Protein backbone atom coordinates (compact mmCIF):
# COMPACT_ATOMS: atom_id res chain seq x y z
CA MET A 1 117.73 122.06 85.89
CA SER A 2 119.84 120.09 88.39
CA ASP A 3 117.71 117.39 89.42
CA ILE A 4 119.44 114.61 92.06
CA VAL A 5 119.26 110.86 92.11
CA ILE A 6 118.61 108.88 95.25
CA TYR A 7 119.60 105.40 95.40
CA THR A 8 117.48 103.11 98.14
CA ASN A 9 115.44 100.03 98.64
CA PRO A 10 112.39 99.87 97.49
CA GLU A 11 110.53 99.44 101.26
CA ILE A 12 112.19 102.99 101.80
CA LEU A 13 110.76 104.39 98.81
CA ASP A 14 107.11 103.07 99.86
CA HIS A 15 107.46 105.05 102.96
CA LYS A 16 108.96 108.04 101.53
CA LYS A 17 105.66 108.23 99.13
CA CYS A 18 103.92 108.56 102.77
CA PRO A 19 100.61 109.06 101.15
CA GLU A 20 99.20 109.71 104.84
CA PHE A 21 101.66 112.91 105.23
CA THR A 22 101.51 116.72 103.27
CA GLU A 23 104.92 116.51 103.26
CA CYS A 24 108.07 114.64 103.52
CA TRP A 25 111.47 114.54 103.27
CA TRP A 26 115.08 113.00 102.88
CA GLU A 27 117.57 113.55 105.31
CA MET A 28 121.29 113.98 103.68
CA SER A 29 125.04 114.73 105.18
CA ARG A 30 125.99 117.51 102.51
CA LYS A 31 123.86 119.61 100.54
CA PRO A 32 123.23 119.06 96.65
CA THR A 33 124.52 123.00 96.09
CA ARG A 34 122.90 122.83 92.37
CA LEU A 35 119.57 121.38 93.73
CA LYS A 36 116.87 124.06 93.58
CA VAL A 37 113.19 124.28 94.87
CA GLY A 38 110.90 123.32 91.67
CA GLU A 39 113.47 120.76 90.37
CA ARG A 40 112.84 117.17 91.06
CA ILE A 41 114.35 114.03 93.64
CA HIS A 42 114.46 110.99 91.74
CA PHE A 43 114.61 107.75 93.28
CA ALA A 44 116.23 104.52 92.09
CA THR A 45 115.72 101.03 93.52
CA LYS A 46 116.76 97.74 92.09
CA ASP A 47 118.54 99.36 89.43
CA VAL A 48 116.11 101.74 87.84
CA VAL A 49 115.26 105.04 88.40
CA ARG A 50 111.44 104.64 89.36
CA GLY A 51 109.91 108.26 89.88
CA SER A 52 110.42 111.10 91.26
CA PHE A 53 108.99 114.28 93.60
CA GLN A 54 108.94 118.04 93.00
CA VAL A 55 111.10 119.42 95.66
CA THR A 56 108.81 122.60 97.78
CA ASP A 57 112.07 123.27 100.27
CA ILE A 58 115.24 122.62 101.33
CA LYS A 59 116.50 123.33 104.81
CA ARG A 60 119.83 123.11 107.11
CA THR A 61 118.86 121.64 110.63
CA TYR A 62 122.06 121.49 112.46
CA ASN A 63 124.61 119.53 110.20
CA ARG A 64 122.01 118.03 107.88
CA PHE A 65 120.25 118.92 104.98
CA GLU A 66 116.54 118.27 104.38
CA ILE A 67 115.04 118.11 101.24
CA TYR A 68 111.30 118.18 101.21
CA TRP A 69 108.40 117.16 98.77
CA GLU A 70 104.61 116.62 98.59
CA PRO A 71 103.97 112.92 98.05
CA SER A 72 101.15 114.08 95.37
CA SER A 73 104.19 115.40 93.38
CA TRP A 74 105.29 111.72 92.63
CA ARG A 75 105.60 110.99 88.71
CA ASN A 76 106.35 107.03 87.96
CA ASN A 77 108.97 107.20 85.34
CA GLN A 78 111.68 105.15 83.79
CA ILE A 79 115.21 106.55 82.12
CA GLY A 80 115.78 103.17 79.82
CA GLU A 81 119.26 102.62 81.22
CA VAL A 82 120.25 101.28 84.40
CA SER A 83 121.35 102.70 87.74
CA PRO A 84 124.52 101.68 89.31
CA ARG A 85 124.14 101.46 93.05
CA PHE A 86 125.50 104.60 94.90
CA ARG A 87 125.59 106.47 98.34
CA GLY A 88 124.58 109.43 98.63
CA PHE A 89 123.35 111.57 95.58
CA ARG A 90 124.45 112.35 92.36
CA TYR A 91 122.59 114.72 89.61
CA ARG A 92 120.80 113.51 87.02
CA TRP A 93 123.16 112.26 84.37
CA TRP A 94 120.10 111.37 80.98
CA LYS A 95 118.59 114.03 78.97
CA ARG A 96 115.23 114.91 80.20
CA LYS A 97 114.25 114.17 76.62
CA GLN A 98 115.07 110.73 77.55
CA GLN A 99 112.94 110.45 80.25
CA LYS A 100 109.71 108.36 79.64
CA GLU A 101 106.81 108.84 82.33
CA LYS A 102 104.18 106.36 83.39
CA GLN A 103 101.11 106.00 84.77
CA ASP A 104 100.83 104.96 88.23
């Protein structure tokens, strides 16, 4: 599996949970080539991975890529390690066994 991680601020993450919509997306200038539909897009804020959505589609629009998910697929989790701030995306660097899921 090749999940990706996006670092953002808490306000943007709250917006991306978009409970009033059936589908949300993240726009990127470069395609995460190893990411496939069904894998997860994790979000980190304030140096911690907060949770993830299951990817439902990946589309190319002009010179951008859009990754889509359903807000209902949100899973709260923390990996127990600090996520450094970064731009763009990174592939998940922890083993899935390390991941701890939490109820909302």
